[in-house]
Amino acid sequence: MLARKLSTKIKEALEMFPCVVVLGARQVGKTTLLKMILPKAQFFDLEKLSDFDYIDSDPELFLNNHKDPLVIDEAQLCPNLFKALRVKIDEERSKTGRFLLSGSSSPLLLNQISETLAGRVAIIEIPCLSWDEALERKSSKFYDYIFSPEKFSSLKKLYERQELYELCLYGLYPEPFLKRKNANFYHSWQENYFKTYIERDIRNLFPKLEIENYRKFVQMLIQSSGDTVKYSNFASSLSVSEPTVKQYLEIAQGTFVWQLLRAFDKSSTKRLIKMPKGYLADNVLINYFNKFQNTDQMISNIYFGFIWEGFVINQIRKNIDRIYTNINYYYYRTQHKAEIDLVLDTAQGLIPIEIKSGSSFKSDQLISLKNFISEYKCKYGIVINNGAEIREIAANIYQIPAVYI
């Protein structure tokens, strides 16, 4: 088992709230994490028919018959549970750490929580592994220093470039990552994950959805990872309406397949692109559909720049969300194609970040970054690439190789 850095955040939430719900895609390791956090608590899995029947038949009786803390996996499968939880929590409103729940489908689960457990619950999203978790390394100080660029020069190299290429190739779902050297298992896992997601999860959650169209949509989305989603193009290809495409995108995001990146739209002087952009939450499906067999095939692919960009952005978001709250993420693109890959919107100002898969850059590639820093009075900007060292490459612009983050 791999240690998860978010366990600390979950334990802290259990000390403050009666109930904590962890959300995440299937196979990100939620069940293992729940058992590690409360190893002595009674555990119930609602995908197990006997547990489901036991709880669903009379949730109130179930809660009265069992001492807390209780751990309930895939809680969204039992809507009746939530009203009973509210009553049970309110009997001892000040008591914390009583219930730890998980869920894989946020739209349904969040609706149930908002209707019944508002103010009584903390919600924490569990992503795939971060680089440090997968390779069992110390966390990078880059995230501690994010508001103190003068400290960047003291960062330590944590990875080798080839290690990161392999993480990018195999993806960061725990089970296939740990068994990645078994090619037969790994490729079988990729295929079954996609089929299960479409044919079981989506079919059960949205029984009226046109499954075949949604399958094609996800395949198109995989090929569009790192680019703006043009609703009209998707609608034309799928022979559906643009509102239907927007619904599909909301489903992909709500089931944790897609990581949305909203367009930055706060300029009063420039015409900005406002279409959403996003990335697959992990590379495993990208690599499955591209049939990459090794890192050389992946790196030589014409779309590797987009693949690498999403890989780095997901790493940044996982680590920042683990430490900070109330940080928003955007991309920036003008009608004249000036672009910045990631903009962090923080209480201390905007931080623009460019991501490059190469090890060098040309001075004209910094123009957008320089202009953004000037217009929005940013303290500094960052270029994350595969260079050799950390250095200031222009006034208030720092090169930080990916092996340091």
Protein backbone atom coordinates (compact mmCIF):
# COMPACT_ATOMS: atom_id res chain seq x y z
CA MET A 1 0.00 0.00 0.00
CA LEU A 2 1.13 3.51 -0.79
CA ALA A 3 0.80 6.25 1.82
CA ARG A 4 -1.56 9.06 0.82
CA LYS A 5 -0.68 12.59 1.87
CA LEU A 6 -4.37 13.55 2.03
CA SER A 7 -4.86 11.26 5.02
CA THR A 8 -3.74 14.11 7.30
CA LYS A 9 -6.37 16.45 5.85
CA ILE A 10 -9.09 13.80 6.30
CA LYS A 11 -8.08 13.14 9.91
CA GLU A 12 -8.17 16.86 10.66
CA ALA A 13 -11.65 17.09 9.12
CA LEU A 14 -12.83 14.19 11.31
CA GLU A 15 -11.74 16.18 14.35
CA MET A 16 -13.96 19.10 13.28
CA PHE A 17 -17.05 17.51 11.71
CA PRO A 18 -19.46 14.70 12.63
CA CYS A 19 -19.25 13.34 9.09
CA VAL A 20 -16.58 13.40 6.38
CA VAL A 21 -17.22 12.37 2.77
CA VAL A 22 -14.36 11.59 0.40
CA LEU A 23 -15.13 11.76 -3.31
CA GLY A 24 -13.13 10.44 -6.23
CA ALA A 25 -13.12 8.33 -9.34
CA ARG A 26 -13.27 4.57 -9.10
CA GLN A 27 -9.93 2.89 -8.42
CA VAL A 28 -8.18 5.97 -6.97
CA GLY A 29 -7.73 4.13 -3.66
CA LYS A 30 -10.63 5.50 -1.58
CA THR A 31 -11.49 2.18 0.06
CA THR A 32 -7.90 1.49 1.08
CA LEU A 33 -7.57 5.03 2.42
CA LEU A 34 -10.75 4.77 4.50
CA LYS A 35 -9.55 1.57 6.11
CA MET A 36 -6.15 3.09 6.87
CA ILE A 37 -7.64 6.20 8.50
CA LEU A 38 -10.14 4.34 10.73
CA PRO A 39 -8.73 0.80 10.89
CA LYS A 40 -10.81 -0.22 13.93
CA ALA A 41 -14.12 1.16 12.72
CA GLN A 42 -16.84 -1.10 11.37
CA PHE A 43 -16.71 -1.07 7.57
CA PHE A 44 -19.64 -1.45 5.18
CA ASP A 45 -19.41 -1.58 1.39
CA LEU A 46 -22.66 -0.70 -0.38
CA GLU A 47 -21.50 -2.39 -3.57
CA LYS A 48 -21.66 -5.61 -1.56
CA LEU A 49 -25.24 -6.80 -1.84
CA SER A 50 -25.51 -8.07 1.73
CA ASP A 51 -24.29 -4.75 3.16
CA PHE A 52 -26.58 -2.78 0.87
CA ASP A 53 -29.68 -4.81 1.78
CA TYR A 54 -28.85 -4.60 5.47
CA ILE A 55 -28.56 -0.79 5.46
CA ASP A 56 -31.15 0.12 2.84
CA SER A 57 -33.96 -1.88 4.44
CA ASP A 58 -33.92 0.37 7.53
CA PRO A 59 -31.06 2.93 7.72
CA GLU A 60 -32.28 4.36 11.03
CA LEU A 61 -32.27 0.91 12.68
CA PHE A 62 -28.84 0.22 11.22
CA LEU A 63 -27.36 3.40 12.71
CA ASN A 64 -28.98 2.75 16.08
CA ASN A 65 -27.57 -0.79 16.18
CA HIS A 66 -23.95 0.19 15.54
CA LYS A 67 -21.60 2.28 17.58
CA ASP A 68 -19.68 4.93 15.72
CA PRO A 69 -17.27 5.57 14.14
CA LEU A 70 -18.66 3.89 11.03
CA VAL A 71 -17.11 3.71 7.58
CA ILE A 72 -19.51 3.38 4.63
CA ASP A 73 -18.09 2.91 1.14
CA GLU A 74 -19.97 4.02 -2.04
CA ALA A 75 -22.60 5.76 0.05
CA GLN A 76 -24.38 7.32 -2.94
CA LEU A 77 -25.94 3.93 -3.68
CA CYS A 78 -28.24 4.29 -0.66
CA PRO A 79 -30.09 7.65 -0.78
CA ASN A 80 -32.23 6.67 2.22
CA LEU A 81 -29.12 6.62 4.38
CA PHE A 82 -28.63 10.39 4.35
CA LYS A 83 -31.86 11.39 6.10
CA ALA A 84 -31.13 8.83 8.80
CA LEU A 85 -27.59 10.20 9.16
CA ARG A 86 -28.91 13.71 9.69
CA VAL A 87 -31.18 12.54 12.51
CA LYS A 88 -28.39 10.50 14.12
CA ILE A 89 -25.87 13.35 13.90
CA ASP A 90 -28.31 15.86 15.40
CA GLU A 91 -28.83 13.63 18.45
CA GLU A 92 -25.25 14.52 19.44
CA ARG A 93 -24.54 17.53 17.26
CA SER A 94 -21.23 18.47 18.89
CA LYS A 95 -19.68 15.00 18.63
CA THR A 96 -17.13 14.76 15.77
CA GLY A 97 -15.51 11.96 13.79
CA ARG A 98 -18.55 9.70 13.76
CA PHE A 99 -19.03 8.81 10.10
CA LEU A 100 -16.57 8.47 7.24
CA LEU A 101 -18.21 7.97 3.85
CA SER A 102 -16.96 7.62 0.29
CA GLY A 103 -18.53 8.15 -3.11
CA SER A 104 -17.58 7.80 -6.75
CA SER A 105 -20.26 9.90 -8.41
CA SER A 106 -20.31 13.45 -7.19
CA PRO A 107 -23.52 14.75 -8.89
CA LEU A 108 -25.77 12.28 -7.08
CA LEU A 109 -23.86 12.31 -3.81
CA LEU A 110 -23.51 16.10 -3.63
CA ASN A 111 -27.25 16.51 -4.16
CA GLN A 112 -27.94 14.14 -1.28
CA ILE A 113 -25.45 15.93 0.97
CA SER A 114 -26.74 19.42 0.16
CA GLU A 115 -30.32 18.37 0.86
CA THR A 116 -29.68 16.56 4.14
CA LEU A 117 -26.22 17.08 5.67
CA ALA A 118 -25.41 20.75 5.00
CA GLY A 119 -23.30 22.15 7.84
CA ARG A 120 -22.66 18.70 9.27
CA VAL A 121 -20.18 17.35 6.75
CA ALA A 122 -16.76 18.06 5.24
CA ILE A 123 -16.18 17.03 1.63
CA ILE A 124 -12.70 16.10 0.37
CA GLU A 125 -11.84 15.01 -3.16
CA ILE A 126 -9.35 12.16 -3.56
CA PRO A 127 -7.43 12.29 -6.86
CA CYS A 128 -5.10 9.73 -8.36
CA LEU A 129 -1.63 9.45 -6.85
CA SER A 130 0.67 12.44 -6.90
CA TRP A 131 4.26 11.92 -8.07
CA ASP A 132 5.67 11.89 -4.54
CA GLU A 133 3.09 9.34 -3.38
CA ALA A 134 3.71 7.04 -6.35
CA LEU A 135 7.50 7.09 -5.96
CA GLU A 136 7.38 7.32 -2.14
CA ARG A 137 9.41 10.53 -1.96
CA LYS A 138 9.27 13.59 0.24
CA SER A 139 6.86 16.27 -0.89
CA SER A 140 8.37 19.13 -2.84
CA LYS A 141 8.89 22.42 -1.00
CA PHE A 142 7.82 24.14 -4.22
CA TYR A 143 4.25 24.31 -2.90
CA ASP A 144 5.33 25.68 0.47
CA TYR A 145 7.33 28.38 -1.34
CA ILE A 146 4.65 29.26 -3.89
CA PHE A 147 4.31 32.77 -2.41
CA SER A 148 8.04 33.16 -1.75
CA PRO A 149 9.89 32.93 -5.10
CA GLU A 150 13.12 34.06 -3.48
CA LYS A 151 13.26 30.56 -1.93
CA PHE A 152 12.98 28.67 -5.24
CA SER A 153 16.76 28.41 -5.55
CA SER A 154 16.84 26.20 -2.45
CA LEU A 155 14.53 23.55 -3.93
CA LYS A 156 15.94 20.03 -4.15
CA LYS A 157 15.69 17.73 -7.16
CA LEU A 158 13.27 14.92 -6.29
CA TYR A 159 12.95 12.88 -9.49
CA GLU A 160 14.74 11.84 -12.63
CA ARG A 161 13.20 12.90 -15.91
CA GLN A 162 12.77 9.29 -17.05
CA GLU A 163 10.85 8.51 -13.86
CA LEU A 164 8.38 11.26 -14.69
CA TYR A 165 8.02 10.03 -18.26
CA GLU A 166 7.11 6.60 -16.88
CA LEU A 167 4.55 8.12 -14.50
CA CYS A 168 3.12 10.03 -17.44
CA LEU A 169 2.94 6.83 -19.50
CA TYR A 170 1.43 4.46 -16.94
CA GLY A 171 -0.86 6.88 -15.16
CA LEU A 172 -1.38 7.22 -11.44
CA TYR A 173 -4.27 4.98 -10.48
CA PRO A 174 -2.77 2.97 -7.59
CA GLU A 175 -3.43 -0.64 -8.66
CA PRO A 176 -2.28 -0.48 -12.30
CA PHE A 177 0.66 1.70 -11.29
CA LEU A 178 1.85 -0.83 -8.74
CA LYS A 179 1.41 -3.67 -11.28
CA ARG A 180 2.62 -1.71 -14.32
CA LYS A 181 5.41 -4.15 -15.10
CA ASN A 182 2.83 -6.87 -15.75
CA ALA A 183 1.89 -5.80 -19.28
CA ASN A 184 -1.05 -8.19 -19.62
CA PHE A 185 -2.64 -7.03 -16.38
CA TYR A 186 -1.99 -3.36 -17.12
CA HIS A 187 -3.56 -3.38 -20.59
CA SER A 188 -6.49 -5.48 -19.38
CA TRP A 189 -7.05 -2.99 -16.55
CA GLN A 190 -7.10 -0.06 -19.02
CA GLU A 191 -9.70 -1.72 -21.23
CA ASN A 192 -11.91 -2.86 -18.37
CA TYR A 193 -11.77 0.51 -16.64
CA PHE A 194 -13.17 2.29 -19.68
CA LYS A 195 -15.86 -0.35 -20.26
CA THR A 196 -16.91 -0.37 -16.60
CA TYR A 197 -17.05 3.41 -16.47
CA ILE A 198 -19.35 3.60 -19.50
CA GLU A 199 -21.40 0.43 -19.23
CA ARG A 200 -21.93 0.27 -15.48
CA ASP A 201 -21.31 3.62 -13.78
CA ILE A 202 -22.76 5.94 -16.39
CA ARG A 203 -25.60 3.60 -17.33
CA ASN A 204 -26.62 3.28 -13.66
CA LEU A 205 -26.27 6.97 -12.85
CA PHE A 206 -27.96 8.27 -15.99
CA PRO A 207 -30.32 5.55 -17.26
CA LYS A 208 -31.92 7.90 -19.82
CA LEU A 209 -28.60 8.95 -21.33
CA GLU A 210 -27.74 7.82 -24.86
CA ILE A 211 -24.83 5.62 -23.85
CA GLU A 212 -23.30 5.13 -27.28
CA ASN A 213 -23.19 8.88 -27.91
CA TYR A 214 -21.60 9.44 -24.49
CA ARG A 215 -19.00 6.75 -25.25
CA LYS A 216 -18.07 8.57 -28.45
CA PHE A 217 -18.01 11.86 -26.56
CA VAL A 218 -15.49 10.53 -24.04
CA GLN A 219 -13.30 9.25 -26.86
CA MET A 220 -13.40 12.71 -28.47
CA LEU A 221 -12.70 14.30 -25.10
CA ILE A 222 -9.62 12.13 -24.67
CA GLN A 223 -8.26 13.43 -27.97
CA SER A 224 -9.09 17.00 -26.92
CA SER A 225 -7.30 16.87 -23.57
CA GLY A 226 -5.37 20.12 -23.19
CA ASP A 227 -7.41 22.03 -25.75
CA THR A 228 -10.54 24.14 -25.58
CA VAL A 229 -13.81 22.28 -25.90
CA LYS A 230 -15.66 23.67 -28.91
CA TYR A 231 -19.26 22.70 -28.27
CA SER A 232 -20.27 23.16 -31.90
CA ASN A 233 -17.59 20.74 -33.15
CA PHE A 234 -18.59 18.08 -30.65
CA ALA A 235 -22.28 18.60 -31.39
CA SER A 236 -21.73 18.28 -35.14
CA SER A 237 -19.63 15.13 -34.84
CA LEU A 238 -22.10 13.47 -32.47
CA SER A 239 -25.26 14.77 -34.18
CA VAL A 240 -26.53 16.20 -30.90
CA SER A 241 -27.30 19.71 -29.64
CA GLU A 242 -24.77 21.97 -27.94
CA PRO A 243 -26.73 21.80 -24.63
CA THR A 244 -26.33 18.01 -24.80
CA VAL A 245 -22.56 18.40 -25.22
CA LYS A 246 -22.52 20.70 -22.17
CA GLN A 247 -24.45 18.05 -20.24
CA TYR A 248 -21.93 15.39 -21.30
CA LEU A 249 -19.07 17.62 -20.15
CA GLU A 250 -20.72 18.15 -16.76
CA ILE A 251 -21.10 14.38 -16.40
CA ALA A 252 -17.44 13.77 -17.28
CA GLN A 253 -16.37 16.35 -14.73
CA GLY A 254 -18.84 15.16 -12.10
CA THR A 255 -17.63 11.57 -12.39
CA PHE A 256 -14.00 12.73 -12.07
CA VAL A 257 -12.87 11.76 -15.57
CA TRP A 258 -12.37 15.37 -16.66
CA GLN A 259 -10.55 18.20 -14.86
CA LEU A 260 -12.09 21.51 -15.90
CA LEU A 261 -9.94 24.59 -16.42
CA ARG A 262 -12.03 27.73 -16.79
CA ALA A 263 -11.03 30.61 -19.01
CA PHE A 264 -9.55 33.67 -17.30
CA ASP A 265 -11.89 36.54 -18.22
CA LYS A 266 -10.87 39.51 -16.07
CA SER A 267 -9.18 41.68 -18.68
CA SER A 268 -10.73 45.05 -19.49
CA THR A 269 -8.40 45.71 -22.41
CA LYS A 270 -8.15 42.42 -24.33
CA ARG A 271 -10.65 40.18 -26.06
CA LEU A 272 -10.32 36.81 -24.35
CA ILE A 273 -11.30 33.28 -25.31
CA LYS A 274 -14.02 32.17 -22.88
CA MET A 275 -14.57 28.54 -23.85
CA PRO A 276 -13.61 26.01 -21.13
CA LYS A 277 -10.47 23.98 -21.40
CA GLY A 278 -9.53 20.88 -19.52
CA TYR A 279 -7.57 17.69 -19.11
CA LEU A 280 -8.21 14.06 -18.41
CA ALA A 281 -7.81 13.58 -14.68
CA ASP A 282 -5.17 10.96 -15.45
CA ASN A 283 -3.25 9.86 -18.54
CA VAL A 284 -4.28 6.23 -18.42
CA LEU A 285 -7.14 6.62 -20.92
CA ILE A 286 -5.09 8.86 -23.25
CA ASN A 287 -2.36 6.26 -23.40
CA TYR A 288 -4.88 3.45 -23.83
CA PHE A 289 -6.48 5.00 -26.91
CA ASN A 290 -3.13 6.02 -28.39
CA LYS A 291 -1.76 2.49 -27.78
CA PHE A 292 1.54 3.76 -26.37
CA GLN A 293 3.76 0.81 -25.46
CA ASN A 294 6.72 2.76 -24.07
CA THR A 295 7.87 6.26 -23.22
CA ASP A 296 9.62 6.73 -26.57
CA GLN A 297 6.33 6.28 -28.41
CA MET A 298 4.62 8.72 -26.07
CA ILE A 299 7.32 11.41 -26.28
CA SER A 300 7.48 11.24 -30.06
CA ASN A 301 3.71 11.64 -30.42
CA ILE A 302 2.61 14.90 -32.03
CA TYR A 303 0.35 15.63 -29.05
CA PHE A 304 2.92 14.96 -26.35
CA GLY A 305 3.06 18.66 -25.45
CA PHE A 306 -0.63 18.55 -24.49
CA ILE A 307 -0.19 15.24 -22.65
CA TRP A 308 2.74 16.60 -20.64
CA GLU A 309 0.94 19.86 -19.91
CA GLY A 310 -2.03 18.04 -18.40
CA PHE A 311 0.27 15.73 -16.46
CA VAL A 312 2.05 18.69 -14.83
CA ILE A 313 -1.13 20.70 -14.20
CA ASN A 314 -2.73 17.74 -12.43
CA GLN A 315 0.35 17.41 -10.21
CA ILE A 316 0.23 21.09 -9.30
CA ARG A 317 -3.46 20.99 -8.50
CA LYS A 318 -3.22 17.86 -6.36
CA ASN A 319 -0.51 19.36 -4.19
CA ILE A 320 -1.94 22.86 -3.88
CA ASP A 321 -5.38 21.51 -2.99
CA ARG A 322 -3.73 19.39 -0.32
CA ILE A 323 -2.23 22.46 1.38
CA TYR A 324 -4.34 25.49 0.54
CA THR A 325 -7.97 26.48 0.22
CA ASN A 326 -9.68 29.06 -1.98
CA ILE A 327 -7.22 28.92 -4.86
CA ASN A 328 -8.86 28.97 -8.28
CA TYR A 329 -7.35 27.68 -11.53
CA TYR A 330 -7.65 29.24 -14.99
CA TYR A 331 -6.01 29.26 -18.38
CA TYR A 332 -5.51 32.47 -20.36
CA ARG A 333 -5.90 32.95 -24.10
CA THR A 334 -6.63 36.06 -26.13
CA GLN A 335 -8.26 36.34 -29.54
CA HIS A 336 -4.73 37.06 -30.84
CA LYS A 337 -3.51 33.71 -29.45
CA ALA A 338 -1.46 35.01 -26.56
CA GLU A 339 -1.70 32.14 -24.08
CA ILE A 340 -0.71 31.04 -20.58
CA ASP A 341 -1.27 27.42 -19.60
CA LEU A 342 -2.22 27.91 -15.95
CA VAL A 343 -3.11 30.92 -13.81
CA LEU A 344 -3.40 30.52 -10.05
CA ASP A 345 -5.86 33.01 -8.58
CA THR A 346 -4.88 33.44 -4.92
CA ALA A 347 -5.56 35.89 -2.12
CA GLN A 348 -2.02 37.15 -2.61
CA GLY A 349 -2.40 37.77 -6.32
CA LEU A 350 -2.24 35.98 -9.65
CA ILE A 351 0.56 33.51 -10.46
CA PRO A 352 0.93 32.73 -14.19
CA ILE A 353 2.59 29.43 -15.12
CA GLU A 354 3.78 28.24 -18.53
CA ILE A 355 4.43 24.51 -19.04
CA LYS A 356 6.84 23.20 -21.68
CA SER A 357 7.81 19.63 -22.47
CA GLY A 358 11.20 20.69 -23.86
CA SER A 359 14.36 21.62 -22.03
CA SER A 360 14.93 25.01 -23.69
CA PHE A 361 12.89 27.95 -24.91
CA LYS A 362 13.12 30.98 -27.12
CA SER A 363 12.85 34.49 -25.75
CA ASP A 364 9.71 35.20 -27.78
CA GLN A 365 7.97 32.35 -25.90
CA LEU A 366 8.06 34.55 -22.78
CA ILE A 367 6.19 37.49 -24.33
CA SER A 368 2.74 36.38 -23.14
CA LEU A 369 4.08 35.75 -19.65
CA LYS A 370 5.83 39.13 -19.49
CA ASN A 371 2.73 40.97 -20.72
CA PHE A 372 0.47 39.18 -18.27
CA ILE A 373 2.79 39.97 -15.33
CA SER A 374 2.87 43.61 -16.37
CA GLU A 375 -0.88 44.00 -16.93
CA TYR A 376 -1.95 42.27 -13.72
CA LYS A 377 0.93 43.44 -11.51
CA CYS A 378 1.97 39.87 -10.71
CA LYS A 379 4.83 39.37 -8.29
CA TYR A 380 6.37 36.77 -10.61
CA GLY A 381 5.73 34.06 -13.20
CA ILE A 382 6.99 30.51 -13.69
CA VAL A 383 8.10 28.35 -16.60
CA ILE A 384 8.00 24.65 -15.74
CA ASN A 385 9.98 22.63 -18.28
CA ASN A 386 12.60 19.89 -18.53
CA GLY A 387 15.58 22.22 -18.20
CA ALA A 388 18.66 21.45 -16.16
CA GLU A 389 18.44 23.99 -13.32
CA ILE A 390 16.35 26.51 -11.46
CA ARG A 391 17.16 30.04 -12.54
CA GLU A 392 15.64 33.44 -13.20
CA ILE A 393 15.36 33.55 -16.99
CA ALA A 394 13.92 37.08 -17.20
CA ALA A 395 12.90 39.74 -14.72
CA ASN A 396 10.58 38.02 -12.21
CA ILE A 397 10.24 34.88 -14.37
CA TYR A 398 11.67 31.66 -12.96
CA GLN A 399 12.50 28.44 -14.77
CA ILE A 400 11.74 25.44 -12.55
CA PRO A 401 12.38 22.01 -14.08
CA ALA A 402 9.57 19.51 -13.49
CA VAL A 403 11.91 17.23 -11.52
CA TYR A 404 11.80 19.84 -8.70
CA ILE A 405 8.02 20.05 -8.25
